[in-house]
Amino acid sequence: MEKDTQKPRDSEKTTDMLTAYSKSLEIWQKSFSEMQEAATKAFKLYLKGFEQAMSQSNFDDMKKYNELWQNISKQFEQYGPYYWSVKAWDDIWKESGFVSFGAFTDYWQSVWKNFAKNAETMSQEAFKQLGKQKP
């Protein structure tokens, strides 16, 4: 008798599992479809924005800035990070009409290389020289 009563229960469990699987598959398919629609809308929006940006861009400026970045990259490779920054500051100071930044930096390099007990005195001298170099 026990076998007869268990068979309907097993078939009910199987049916319940198939129903649950079927429902979860339906939900997944609906979710996947909605995700595809959202992705399509987002991609269309991206293309629209890209087309608008391209139509409103100034290609001469873009080319100029691209060349500037390429030159900076080449200089960075050529001089290394420290000397590139010194050169950049030197160029900025020269363009601004100030005295060379390089001379001041060279003096500071000698201060740090020869760092000794008289560091305070050497620092004061460096500040005095900076004050003398003002335009």
C-alpha atoms as a PDB file:
ATOM      1  CA  MET A   1       0.000   0.000   0.000  1.00  0.00           C
ATOM      2  CA  GLU A   2       2.757   2.364   0.720  1.00  0.00           C
ATOM      3  CA  LYS A   3       4.029   2.047  -2.838  1.00  0.00           C
ATOM      4  CA  ASP A   4       0.655   3.052  -4.282  1.00  0.00           C
ATOM      5  CA  THR A   5       0.429   6.186  -2.153  1.00  0.00           C
ATOM      6  CA  GLN A   6       3.999   7.246  -2.932  1.00  0.00           C
ATOM      7  CA  LYS A   7       3.618   7.124  -6.695  1.00  0.00           C
ATOM      8  CA  PRO A   8       1.129   9.994  -6.867  1.00  0.00           C
ATOM      9  CA  ARG A   9       3.303  12.035  -4.517  1.00  0.00           C
ATOM     10  CA  ASP A  10       6.382  11.493  -6.693  1.00  0.00           C
ATOM     11  CA  SER A  11       4.480  12.484  -9.804  1.00  0.00           C
ATOM     12  CA  GLU A  12       3.151  15.576  -8.021  1.00  0.00           C
ATOM     13  CA  LYS A  13       6.702  16.556  -7.038  1.00  0.00           C
ATOM     14  CA  THR A  14       7.861  16.063 -10.612  1.00  0.00           C
ATOM     15  CA  THR A  15       4.980  18.143 -11.929  1.00  0.00           C
ATOM     16  CA  ASP A  16       5.680  20.875  -9.381  1.00  0.00           C
ATOM     17  CA  MET A  17       9.365  20.925 -10.331  1.00  0.00           C
ATOM     18  CA  LEU A  18       8.554  21.072 -14.044  1.00  0.00           C
ATOM     19  CA  THR A  19       6.091  23.894 -13.432  1.00  0.00           C
ATOM     20  CA  ALA A  20       8.662  25.826 -11.377  1.00  0.00           C
ATOM     21  CA  TYR A  21      11.338  25.247 -14.019  1.00  0.00           C
ATOM     22  CA  SER A  22       8.968  26.333 -16.769  1.00  0.00           C
ATOM     23  CA  LYS A  23       8.050  29.531 -14.888  1.00  0.00           C
ATOM     24  CA  SER A  24      11.683  30.358 -14.134  1.00  0.00           C
ATOM     25  CA  LEU A  25      12.543  29.800 -17.810  1.00  0.00           C
ATOM     26  CA  GLU A  26       9.726  32.146 -18.864  1.00  0.00           C
ATOM     27  CA  ILE A  27      10.938  34.807 -16.420  1.00  0.00           C
ATOM     28  CA  TRP A  28      14.520  34.415 -17.634  1.00  0.00           C
ATOM     29  CA  GLN A  29      13.429  34.698 -21.294  1.00  0.00           C
ATOM     30  CA  LYS A  30      11.403  37.821 -20.534  1.00  0.00           C
ATOM     31  CA  SER A  31      14.294  39.339 -18.572  1.00  0.00           C
ATOM     32  CA  PHE A  32      16.749  38.507 -21.363  1.00  0.00           C
ATOM     33  CA  SER A  33      14.442  40.047 -23.949  1.00  0.00           C
ATOM     34  CA  GLU A  34      14.099  43.228 -21.878  1.00  0.00           C
ATOM     35  CA  MET A  35      17.864  43.365 -21.433  1.00  0.00           C
ATOM     36  CA  GLN A  36      18.352  43.070 -25.204  1.00  0.00           C
ATOM     37  CA  GLU A  37      15.865  45.881 -25.814  1.00  0.00           C
ATOM     38  CA  ALA A  38      17.585  48.106 -23.251  1.00  0.00           C
ATOM     39  CA  ALA A  39      21.005  47.362 -24.767  1.00  0.00           C
ATOM     40  CA  THR A  40      19.694  48.178 -28.239  1.00  0.00           C
ATOM     41  CA  LYS A  41      18.236  51.479 -27.004  1.00  0.00           C
ATOM     42  CA  ALA A  42      21.486  52.342 -25.225  1.00  0.00           C
ATOM     43  CA  PHE A  43      23.549  51.536 -28.322  1.00  0.00           C
ATOM     44  CA  LYS A  44      21.258  53.656 -30.524  1.00  0.00           C
ATOM     45  CA  LEU A  45      21.573  56.521 -28.045  1.00  0.00           C
ATOM     46  CA  TYR A  46      25.365  56.120 -28.055  1.00  0.00           C
ATOM     47  CA  LEU A  47      25.436  56.213 -31.871  1.00  0.00           C
ATOM     48  CA  LYS A  48      23.237  59.302 -31.910  1.00  0.00           C
ATOM     49  CA  GLY A  49      25.529  61.047 -29.407  1.00  0.00           C
ATOM     50  CA  PHE A  50      28.617  59.992 -31.354  1.00  0.00           C
ATOM     51  CA  GLU A  51      27.166  61.307 -34.635  1.00  0.00           C
ATOM     52  CA  GLN A  52      26.229  64.581 -32.942  1.00  0.00           C
ATOM     53  CA  ALA A  53      29.708  64.941 -31.431  1.00  0.00           C
ATOM     54  CA  MET A  54      31.334  64.214 -34.783  1.00  0.00           C
ATOM     55  CA  SER A  55      29.161  66.776 -36.568  1.00  0.00           C
ATOM     56  CA  GLN A  56      29.942  69.471 -33.980  1.00  0.00           C
ATOM     57  CA  SER A  57      33.669  68.754 -33.532  1.00  0.00           C
ATOM     58  CA  ASN A  58      36.426  70.977 -34.794  1.00  0.00           C
ATOM     59  CA  PHE A  59      38.790  68.517 -36.460  1.00  0.00           C
ATOM     60  CA  ASP A  60      41.574  71.087 -36.836  1.00  0.00           C
ATOM     61  CA  ASP A  61      41.649  71.589 -33.059  1.00  0.00           C
ATOM     62  CA  MET A  62      41.440  67.833 -32.483  1.00  0.00           C
ATOM     63  CA  LYS A  63      44.402  67.307 -34.814  1.00  0.00           C
ATOM     64  CA  LYS A  64      46.377  70.094 -33.082  1.00  0.00           C
ATOM     65  CA  TYR A  65      45.760  68.672 -29.595  1.00  0.00           C
ATOM     66  CA  ASN A  66      46.547  65.157 -30.777  1.00  0.00           C
ATOM     67  CA  GLU A  67      49.895  66.377 -32.123  1.00  0.00           C
ATOM     68  CA  LEU A  68      50.601  68.185 -28.832  1.00  0.00           C
ATOM     69  CA  TRP A  69      49.950  65.000 -26.835  1.00  0.00           C
ATOM     70  CA  GLN A  70      52.115  62.977 -29.201  1.00  0.00           C
ATOM     71  CA  ASN A  71      54.969  65.472 -28.781  1.00  0.00           C
ATOM     72  CA  ILE A  72      54.579  65.416 -24.999  1.00  0.00           C
ATOM     73  CA  SER A  73      54.664  61.626 -25.054  1.00  0.00           C
ATOM     74  CA  LYS A  74      57.860  61.622 -27.149  1.00  0.00           C
ATOM     75  CA  GLN A  75      59.499  64.155 -24.831  1.00  0.00           C
ATOM     76  CA  PHE A  76      58.488  62.136 -21.789  1.00  0.00           C
ATOM     77  CA  GLU A  77      60.134  59.050 -23.285  1.00  0.00           C
ATOM     78  CA  GLN A  78      63.205  61.043 -24.291  1.00  0.00           C
ATOM     79  CA  TYR A  79      63.824  62.921 -21.020  1.00  0.00           C
ATOM     80  CA  GLY A  80      62.230  60.654 -18.426  1.00  0.00           C
ATOM     81  CA  PRO A  81      59.684  61.839 -15.870  1.00  0.00           C
ATOM     82  CA  TYR A  82      61.924  64.096 -13.772  1.00  0.00           C
ATOM     83  CA  TYR A  83      63.789  65.911 -16.531  1.00  0.00           C
ATOM     84  CA  TRP A  84      60.636  66.152 -18.618  1.00  0.00           C
ATOM     85  CA  SER A  85      58.904  68.048 -15.785  1.00  0.00           C
ATOM     86  CA  VAL A  86      61.953  70.326 -15.374  1.00  0.00           C
ATOM     87  CA  LYS A  87      61.936  71.017 -19.110  1.00  0.00           C
ATOM     88  CA  ALA A  88      58.188  71.657 -19.053  1.00  0.00           C
ATOM     89  CA  TRP A  89      58.565  74.147 -16.183  1.00  0.00           C
ATOM     90  CA  ASP A  90      61.496  75.773 -17.956  1.00  0.00           C
ATOM     91  CA  ASP A  91      59.400  76.173 -21.107  1.00  0.00           C
ATOM     92  CA  ILE A  92      56.507  77.625 -19.107  1.00  0.00           C
ATOM     93  CA  TRP A  93      58.804  80.110 -17.362  1.00  0.00           C
ATOM     94  CA  LYS A  94      60.393  81.168 -20.659  1.00  0.00           C
ATOM     95  CA  GLU A  95      56.985  81.631 -22.296  1.00  0.00           C
ATOM     96  CA  SER A  96      55.843  83.678 -19.304  1.00  0.00           C
ATOM     97  CA  GLY A  97      58.881  85.958 -19.477  1.00  0.00           C
ATOM     98  CA  PHE A  98      60.413  84.770 -16.190  1.00  0.00           C
ATOM     99  CA  VAL A  99      64.049  83.912 -15.610  1.00  0.00           C
ATOM    100  CA  SER A 100      65.015  80.300 -16.372  1.00  0.00           C
ATOM    101  CA  PHE A 101      63.577  77.721 -14.034  1.00  0.00           C
ATOM    102  CA  GLY A 102      66.386  75.380 -15.043  1.00  0.00           C
ATOM    103  CA  ALA A 103      69.084  77.461 -13.307  1.00  0.00           C
ATOM    104  CA  PHE A 104      67.104  77.476 -10.065  1.00  0.00           C
ATOM    105  CA  THR A 105      66.484  73.724 -10.345  1.00  0.00           C
ATOM    106  CA  ASP A 106      70.156  73.053 -11.023  1.00  0.00           C
ATOM    107  CA  TYR A 107      71.092  75.013  -7.904  1.00  0.00           C
ATOM    108  CA  TRP A 108      68.586  72.998  -5.841  1.00  0.00           C
ATOM    109  CA  GLN A 109      70.014  69.790  -7.267  1.00  0.00           C
ATOM    110  CA  SER A 110      73.453  70.806  -6.031  1.00  0.00           C
ATOM    111  CA  VAL A 111      71.949  71.616  -2.624  1.00  0.00           C
ATOM    112  CA  TRP A 112      70.353  68.179  -2.308  1.00  0.00           C
ATOM    113  CA  LYS A 113      73.388  66.333  -3.657  1.00  0.00           C
ATOM    114  CA  ASN A 114      75.701  68.036  -1.185  1.00  0.00           C
ATOM    115  CA  PHE A 115      73.275  67.853   1.705  1.00  0.00           C
ATOM    116  CA  ALA A 116      75.196  68.243   4.914  1.00  0.00           C
ATOM    117  CA  LYS A 117      75.019  69.833   8.363  1.00  0.00           C
ATOM    118  CA  ASN A 118      74.757  73.273   6.787  1.00  0.00           C
ATOM    119  CA  ALA A 119      71.494  72.430   4.959  1.00  0.00           C
ATOM    120  CA  GLU A 120      69.645  75.307   6.622  1.00  0.00           C
ATOM    121  CA  THR A 121      72.220  77.834   5.399  1.00  0.00           C
ATOM    122  CA  MET A 122      72.144  76.385   1.885  1.00  0.00           C
ATOM    123  CA  SER A 123      68.330  76.553   1.851  1.00  0.00           C
ATOM    124  CA  GLN A 124      68.424  80.204   2.849  1.00  0.00           C
ATOM    125  CA  GLU A 125      70.908  80.870   0.031  1.00  0.00           C
ATOM    126  CA  ALA A 126      68.583  79.162  -2.433  1.00  0.00           C
ATOM    127  CA  PHE A 127      65.671  81.350  -1.336  1.00  0.00           C
ATOM    128  CA  LYS A 128      67.853  84.450  -1.658  1.00  0.00           C
ATOM    129  CA  GLN A 129      68.803  83.440  -5.200  1.00  0.00           C
ATOM    130  CA  LEU A 130      65.161  82.882  -6.038  1.00  0.00           C
ATOM    131  CA  GLY A 131      64.375  86.379  -4.771  1.00  0.00           C
ATOM    132  CA  LYS A 132      67.119  87.830  -6.977  1.00  0.00           C
ATOM    133  CA  GLN A 133      65.775  86.070 -10.097  1.00  0.00           C
ATOM    134  CA  LYS A 134      62.315  87.648  -9.947  1.00  0.00           C
ATOM    135  CA  PRO A 135      61.585  89.843 -12.996  1.00  0.00           C
END
